[in-house]
């Protein structure tokens, strides 16, 4: 099997501000596998160092280590297992897993969701992400979300005037809009208690990762009425041994691809968590893969997958409509997805072939 890897630098339309920092550009790695018959499958690695502590260089190195296993051309399960023996970097395994599922689907002429055993692929309800740090920007984004038919917005908190921005979002979006918070572990337990008590009157659907660590999340859950979800802490050892809060937000890259995502969802539900999916500012391949997985997982809450539109690209192959994302049509991960990378507002470079 032929193996190639391309680096794509994609600009964002505006700086994306979170408690761990702000970014204006993403470097995504696109893995291409071509079998002896010329059928190609594509996968993506989307490490985000500020969020997950994994660098693009680490992922490149891990994928290079896996080249012999990828080139062997064996079946999907065997190749994935051999790659897992060579690296534990989940974002690298995600790129491999996606490319292998895409290749399998294209060989079979079937969408990945059908290969996963789903009987149908219903549209996935998604939230609108608001990352602006000023009230006016947050208000304008909330109004745009309302007018576009979204029923849930996610507001980044732990970044400044949280109370003012959340109030502005509520005023602009109306009383029916669900408001989800994401603190990215910025608060201590005491800070989270105080902040959530101030923000709760605005009507909060959920707060993702208000504090960092399973013990702190569990302590906080016992002291506040706002439902909590694990995000970054979902990757910690023992996260799914027992339920410490209400829900868990799972991300394709952190789980090692579709295969790992399905396993994590099964274990999380077994522990009693509600499950939903989100993105680490993935490109269309990552979002498409999560949508295919959602057909099997059937998320319990609105998903954070409407993020391709945050990029400064020529178009959005996965644009939501009325707060819903359709699972891409066509074999594999879907048609018309990879063309986005050629015009994503940045530059690309072939790393190895």
Protein backbone atom coordinates (compact mmCIF):
# COMPACT_ATOMS: atom_id res chain seq x y z
CA UNK A 1 0.00 0.00 0.00
CA UNK A 2 1.26 3.48 -0.87
CA UNK A 3 1.44 5.93 2.02
CA UNK A 4 1.70 9.72 1.90
CA UNK A 5 1.30 12.51 4.43
CA UNK A 6 0.56 16.17 3.74
CA UNK A 7 0.68 19.09 6.16
CA UNK A 8 -2.06 21.69 5.69
CA UNK A 9 -1.98 25.06 7.43
CA UNK A 10 -5.52 26.38 7.64
CA UNK A 11 -6.32 29.89 8.84
CA UNK A 12 -9.28 30.66 11.08
CA UNK A 13 -11.69 33.47 10.23
CA UNK A 14 -11.03 35.05 13.63
CA UNK A 15 -8.84 34.24 16.65
CA UNK A 16 -10.26 31.36 18.67
CA UNK A 17 -9.97 32.27 22.36
CA UNK A 18 -10.08 29.74 25.20
CA UNK A 19 -8.86 29.51 28.79
CA UNK A 20 -5.66 27.82 27.57
CA UNK A 21 -4.86 30.43 24.91
CA UNK A 22 -5.83 31.83 21.54
CA UNK A 23 -5.02 30.51 18.07
CA UNK A 24 -5.36 31.92 14.57
CA UNK A 25 -4.17 28.95 12.49
CA UNK A 26 -4.35 25.16 12.60
CA UNK A 27 -1.86 22.68 11.17
CA UNK A 28 -3.66 19.52 10.09
CA UNK A 29 -1.99 16.35 8.81
CA UNK A 30 -3.74 14.46 6.01
CA UNK A 31 -2.83 10.80 5.59
CA UNK A 32 -3.46 9.11 2.24
CA UNK A 33 -3.45 5.34 1.74
CA UNK A 34 -3.63 3.86 -1.78
CA UNK A 35 -4.13 0.14 -2.29
CA UNK A 36 -2.89 -2.02 -5.18
CA UNK A 37 -6.09 -1.32 -7.14
CA UNK A 38 -5.66 2.43 -6.89
CA UNK A 39 -8.41 2.94 -4.31
CA UNK A 40 -7.56 5.71 -1.87
CA UNK A 41 -8.56 6.34 1.70
CA UNK A 42 -7.95 9.53 3.67
CA UNK A 43 -7.54 10.32 7.34
CA UNK A 44 -6.65 13.35 9.40
CA UNK A 45 -4.63 14.11 12.50
CA UNK A 46 -5.60 17.32 14.29
CA UNK A 47 -3.40 17.73 17.39
CA UNK A 48 -3.99 20.93 19.34
CA UNK A 49 -1.07 21.42 21.70
CA UNK A 50 -2.70 23.94 24.02
CA UNK A 51 -5.64 21.59 24.51
CA UNK A 52 -4.19 18.09 24.48
CA UNK A 53 -0.45 18.66 24.91
CA UNK A 54 0.41 16.82 21.69
CA UNK A 55 2.49 18.58 19.03
CA UNK A 56 2.29 18.19 15.28
CA UNK A 57 5.94 17.04 15.31
CA UNK A 58 5.07 14.19 17.67
CA UNK A 59 2.26 13.06 15.38
CA UNK A 60 4.48 13.24 12.30
CA UNK A 61 7.10 11.10 14.03
CA UNK A 62 4.48 8.58 15.16
CA UNK A 63 3.07 8.26 11.65
CA UNK A 64 6.57 7.76 10.25
CA UNK A 65 7.07 4.95 12.76
CA UNK A 66 3.88 3.33 11.47
CA UNK A 67 4.79 3.45 7.79
CA UNK A 68 5.99 -0.19 7.58
CA UNK A 69 2.72 -1.45 9.07
CA UNK A 70 0.68 0.78 6.77
CA UNK A 71 2.61 -0.30 3.70
CA UNK A 72 1.98 -3.98 4.45
CA UNK A 73 -1.48 -3.75 2.89
CA UNK A 74 -3.10 -6.18 5.35
CA UNK A 75 -6.68 -5.98 6.60
CA UNK A 76 -7.89 -2.97 8.59
CA UNK A 77 -7.86 -4.60 12.03
CA UNK A 78 -4.40 -6.08 11.63
CA UNK A 79 -2.88 -2.84 10.32
CA UNK A 80 -4.43 -0.81 13.13
CA UNK A 81 -3.21 -3.28 15.76
CA UNK A 82 0.33 -3.21 14.36
CA UNK A 83 0.33 0.58 14.36
CA UNK A 84 -0.88 0.60 17.97
CA UNK A 85 2.19 -1.47 18.83
CA UNK A 86 4.41 1.24 17.35
CA UNK A 87 2.82 4.35 18.84
CA UNK A 88 0.48 5.40 21.61
CA UNK A 89 -0.13 8.89 20.20
CA UNK A 90 -3.93 8.89 19.76
CA UNK A 91 -4.02 11.62 17.12
CA UNK A 92 -1.71 9.56 14.88
CA UNK A 93 -3.83 6.47 15.41
CA UNK A 94 -6.90 8.56 14.59
CA UNK A 95 -5.47 9.52 11.18
CA UNK A 96 -4.67 5.87 10.49
CA UNK A 97 -8.04 4.61 11.68
CA UNK A 98 -9.93 7.16 9.57
CA UNK A 99 -7.92 6.40 6.44
CA UNK A 100 -8.47 2.68 6.88
CA UNK A 101 -12.25 3.07 7.40
CA UNK A 102 -12.43 5.42 4.40
CA UNK A 103 -10.51 2.93 2.29
CA UNK A 104 -12.74 0.05 3.39
CA UNK A 105 -15.86 2.03 2.58
CA UNK A 106 -14.62 3.03 -0.85
CA UNK A 107 -13.61 -0.53 -1.66
CA UNK A 108 -17.08 -1.75 -0.66
CA UNK A 109 -18.95 1.19 -2.18
CA UNK A 110 -20.61 1.77 1.22
CA UNK A 111 -20.64 4.66 3.72
CA UNK A 112 -18.65 4.08 6.89
CA UNK A 113 -21.76 4.32 9.09
CA UNK A 114 -23.15 1.24 7.37
CA UNK A 115 -19.88 -0.66 7.86
CA UNK A 116 -20.14 0.24 11.56
CA UNK A 117 -23.48 -1.57 11.72
CA UNK A 118 -25.84 1.41 11.91
CA UNK A 119 -29.23 0.93 10.27
CA UNK A 120 -29.53 4.61 9.36
CA UNK A 121 -27.64 7.88 9.62
CA UNK A 122 -29.91 10.55 11.08
CA UNK A 123 -28.79 14.21 11.10
CA UNK A 124 -26.83 15.17 14.21
CA UNK A 125 -27.94 18.15 16.30
CA UNK A 126 -24.99 20.51 16.82
CA UNK A 127 -24.22 23.61 18.85
CA UNK A 128 -22.87 26.96 17.70
CA UNK A 129 -19.52 27.82 19.31
CA UNK A 130 -18.95 31.36 20.60
CA UNK A 131 -15.31 32.14 21.40
CA UNK A 132 -15.31 35.95 21.37
CA UNK A 133 -14.07 37.59 24.59
CA UNK A 134 -16.13 40.81 24.34
CA UNK A 135 -19.84 41.28 24.98
CA UNK A 136 -20.62 42.81 21.60
CA UNK A 137 -18.96 39.97 19.70
CA UNK A 138 -20.64 37.34 21.85
CA UNK A 139 -24.01 39.01 21.39
CA UNK A 140 -23.61 39.18 17.60
CA UNK A 141 -22.57 35.53 17.44
CA UNK A 142 -25.54 34.47 19.59
CA UNK A 143 -27.92 36.35 17.33
CA UNK A 144 -26.36 34.73 14.27
CA UNK A 145 -26.81 31.32 15.89
CA UNK A 146 -30.47 32.06 16.60
CA UNK A 147 -31.14 33.25 13.06
CA UNK A 148 -29.41 30.16 11.63
CA UNK A 149 -31.72 27.85 13.56
CA UNK A 150 -29.36 26.56 16.24
CA UNK A 151 -30.94 25.49 19.52
CA UNK A 152 -27.72 25.44 21.58
CA UNK A 153 -24.69 27.72 21.82
CA UNK A 154 -21.42 27.00 23.58
CA UNK A 155 -19.67 29.88 25.29
CA UNK A 156 -16.01 29.74 26.27
CA UNK A 157 -15.58 30.88 29.88
CA UNK A 158 -12.63 31.42 32.18
CA UNK A 159 -11.39 34.05 29.71
CA UNK A 160 -12.50 37.35 31.21
CA UNK A 161 -15.93 38.97 31.49
CA UNK A 162 -17.83 35.69 31.71
CA UNK A 163 -20.96 37.06 33.40
CA UNK A 164 -21.27 39.96 30.97
CA UNK A 165 -20.79 37.80 27.90
CA UNK A 166 -23.19 35.07 29.06
CA UNK A 167 -25.83 37.69 29.85
CA UNK A 168 -25.31 39.23 26.41
CA UNK A 169 -25.67 35.81 24.79
CA UNK A 170 -28.91 35.12 26.65
CA UNK A 171 -30.35 38.50 25.69
CA UNK A 172 -29.45 38.07 22.02
CA UNK A 173 -30.36 34.39 21.65
CA UNK A 174 -33.65 34.44 23.54
CA UNK A 175 -35.04 32.34 26.36
CA UNK A 176 -35.37 29.09 24.40
CA UNK A 177 -31.69 28.81 23.45
CA UNK A 178 -29.65 26.29 25.47
CA UNK A 179 -26.39 27.81 26.73
CA UNK A 180 -23.48 25.45 27.28
CA UNK A 181 -20.28 26.63 28.97
CA UNK A 182 -16.75 25.39 28.41
CA UNK A 183 -14.09 26.41 30.95
CA UNK A 184 -11.32 24.09 29.69
CA UNK A 185 -10.36 23.39 33.30
CA UNK A 186 -9.56 27.03 34.04
CA UNK A 187 -11.10 27.17 37.52
CA UNK A 188 -10.29 25.75 40.92
CA UNK A 189 -13.18 24.08 42.73
CA UNK A 190 -13.89 27.20 44.77
CA UNK A 191 -13.68 29.44 41.70
CA UNK A 192 -16.01 27.13 39.80
CA UNK A 193 -18.57 27.12 42.62
CA UNK A 194 -18.58 30.92 42.71
CA UNK A 195 -18.62 31.32 38.92
CA UNK A 196 -21.40 28.82 38.27
CA UNK A 197 -23.58 30.33 40.98
CA UNK A 198 -23.21 33.70 39.28
CA UNK A 199 -23.84 32.31 35.79
CA UNK A 200 -26.63 29.83 36.62
CA UNK A 201 -29.47 32.41 36.60
CA UNK A 202 -28.85 32.91 32.86
CA UNK A 203 -30.00 29.31 32.36
CA UNK A 204 -27.07 26.96 31.81
CA UNK A 205 -27.59 23.63 30.09
CA UNK A 206 -24.18 22.20 30.99
CA UNK A 207 -20.61 23.18 31.83
CA UNK A 208 -17.75 21.27 30.22
CA UNK A 209 -14.54 20.73 32.20
CA UNK A 210 -15.06 23.48 34.78
CA UNK A 211 -12.10 22.12 36.77
CA UNK A 212 -9.31 19.73 35.85
CA UNK A 213 -9.14 16.21 37.27
CA UNK A 214 -11.67 13.56 38.23
CA UNK A 215 -11.55 14.22 41.96
CA UNK A 216 -12.12 17.95 41.55
CA UNK A 217 -14.97 17.40 39.07
CA UNK A 218 -16.63 15.02 41.51
CA UNK A 219 -16.26 17.50 44.38
CA UNK A 220 -17.73 20.29 42.28
CA UNK A 221 -20.64 18.16 41.07
CA UNK A 222 -21.70 17.66 44.69
CA UNK A 223 -21.77 21.43 45.31
CA UNK A 224 -23.51 22.91 42.26
CA UNK A 225 -26.80 22.34 40.45
CA UNK A 226 -25.44 22.97 36.94
CA UNK A 227 -24.84 19.66 35.10
CA UNK A 228 -21.14 19.00 34.46
CA UNK A 229 -19.28 17.14 31.72
CA UNK A 230 -15.80 15.72 31.48
CA UNK A 231 -13.78 16.89 28.50
CA UNK A 232 -10.00 17.02 28.92
CA UNK A 233 -10.30 14.82 32.03
CA UNK A 234 -12.09 12.13 30.02
CA UNK A 235 -8.67 10.88 28.89
CA UNK A 236 -7.39 10.36 32.44
CA UNK A 237 -6.92 6.81 33.77
CA UNK A 238 -10.07 5.62 35.52
CA UNK A 239 -12.34 8.22 33.92
CA UNK A 240 -14.88 5.57 33.01
CA UNK A 241 -14.48 3.33 36.04
CA UNK A 242 -17.38 5.14 37.70
CA UNK A 243 -19.50 8.22 37.08
CA UNK A 244 -18.23 11.45 38.71
CA UNK A 245 -20.58 13.89 36.93
CA UNK A 246 -23.41 13.93 34.41
CA UNK A 247 -21.85 13.61 30.97
CA UNK A 248 -18.70 13.14 28.96
CA UNK A 249 -17.60 14.98 25.82
CA UNK A 250 -15.67 12.64 23.52
CA UNK A 251 -13.35 13.78 20.74
CA UNK A 252 -12.17 11.71 17.83
CA UNK A 253 -8.49 12.65 18.07
CA UNK A 254 -8.23 12.01 21.79
CA UNK A 255 -9.89 8.59 21.35
CA UNK A 256 -7.65 7.42 18.49
CA UNK A 257 -10.23 7.54 15.71
CA UNK A 258 -13.64 6.01 15.04
CA UNK A 259 -12.70 2.65 16.55
CA UNK A 260 -11.50 4.21 19.79
CA UNK A 261 -14.43 6.62 19.91
CA UNK A 262 -16.97 3.80 19.78
CA UNK A 263 -15.12 1.96 22.53
CA UNK A 264 -14.92 5.08 24.73
CA UNK A 265 -18.65 5.75 24.26
CA UNK A 266 -19.47 2.17 25.26
CA UNK A 267 -17.34 2.38 28.40
CA UNK A 268 -18.64 5.83 29.34
CA UNK A 269 -22.25 4.73 29.02
CA UNK A 270 -21.44 1.63 31.04
CA UNK A 271 -20.30 3.92 33.86
CA UNK A 272 -23.55 5.89 33.66
CA UNK A 273 -22.49 8.97 31.71
CA UNK A 274 -24.46 10.72 29.00
CA UNK A 275 -22.31 10.91 25.87
CA UNK A 276 -21.90 13.54 23.20
CA UNK A 277 -19.20 14.35 20.63
CA UNK A 278 -17.14 17.43 19.83
CA UNK A 279 -14.22 18.65 17.74
CA UNK A 280 -10.75 20.02 18.46
CA UNK A 281 -11.14 22.35 15.47
CA UNK A 282 -10.82 19.36 13.16
CA UNK A 283 -10.96 19.61 9.40
CA UNK A 284 -13.78 18.04 7.36
CA UNK A 285 -12.30 14.52 7.50
CA UNK A 286 -12.38 14.53 11.29
CA UNK A 287 -15.88 16.00 11.44
CA UNK A 288 -17.17 13.55 8.83
CA UNK A 289 -15.73 10.63 10.78
CA UNK A 290 -17.40 11.82 13.98
CA UNK A 291 -20.72 12.11 12.15
CA UNK A 292 -20.43 8.53 10.89
CA UNK A 293 -19.62 7.38 14.42
CA UNK A 294 -22.62 9.33 15.75
CA UNK A 295 -24.91 7.15 13.64
CA UNK A 296 -23.90 4.25 15.87
CA UNK A 297 -23.38 6.10 19.16
CA UNK A 298 -26.63 8.14 19.03
CA UNK A 299 -25.38 11.04 21.21
CA UNK A 300 -27.41 11.99 24.27
CA UNK A 301 -26.82 15.73 23.91
CA UNK A 302 -26.14 18.33 21.25
CA UNK A 303 -22.69 17.82 19.70
CA UNK A 304 -19.90 20.35 19.15
CA UNK A 305 -19.18 19.44 15.53
CA UNK A 306 -20.22 22.58 13.63
CA UNK A 307 -16.68 23.98 13.51
CA UNK A 308 -15.52 23.75 9.88
CA UNK A 309 -17.16 27.13 9.30
CA UNK A 310 -14.66 28.70 11.71
CA UNK A 311 -11.94 28.28 9.07
CA UNK A 312 -11.16 30.88 6.42
CA UNK A 313 -11.81 28.51 3.55
CA UNK A 314 -13.54 28.86 0.19
CA UNK A 315 -16.54 26.84 1.31
CA UNK A 316 -17.84 24.47 3.94
CA UNK A 317 -18.59 20.91 2.80
CA UNK A 318 -20.17 20.20 6.18
CA UNK A 319 -22.33 23.25 6.79
CA UNK A 320 -25.16 22.85 9.33
CA UNK A 321 -28.74 23.65 8.49
CA UNK A 322 -31.20 24.61 11.23
CA UNK A 323 -28.74 23.36 13.84
CA UNK A 324 -28.34 19.95 12.21
CA UNK A 325 -25.43 18.31 10.39
CA UNK A 326 -26.12 15.65 7.79
CA UNK A 327 -23.83 12.64 7.65
CA UNK A 328 -21.87 12.95 4.37
CA UNK A 329 -23.20 10.93 1.46
CA UNK A 330 -21.17 8.63 -0.72
CA UNK A 331 -18.82 5.74 0.04
CA UNK A 332 -16.24 5.82 2.82
CA UNK A 333 -16.27 9.03 4.83
CA UNK A 334 -18.13 10.76 2.00
CA UNK A 335 -17.69 12.58 -1.28
CA UNK A 336 -16.37 16.11 -1.76
CA UNK A 337 -14.53 16.34 1.55
CA UNK A 338 -10.84 16.28 0.67
CA UNK A 339 -11.08 19.16 -1.82
CA UNK A 340 -11.48 21.53 1.13
CA UNK A 341 -7.83 21.04 2.16
CA UNK A 342 -6.51 22.49 -1.10
CA UNK A 343 -8.18 25.84 -0.44
CA UNK A 344 -8.34 26.06 3.34
CA UNK A 345 -6.93 29.57 3.49
CA UNK A 346 -3.36 28.54 4.20
CA UNK A 347 -0.64 26.44 2.60
CA UNK A 348 0.20 22.76 2.25
CA UNK A 349 3.35 20.71 1.96
CA UNK A 350 3.96 17.03 1.26
CA UNK A 351 5.88 15.49 4.18
CA UNK A 352 6.50 12.01 2.90
CA UNK A 353 5.34 9.65 0.18
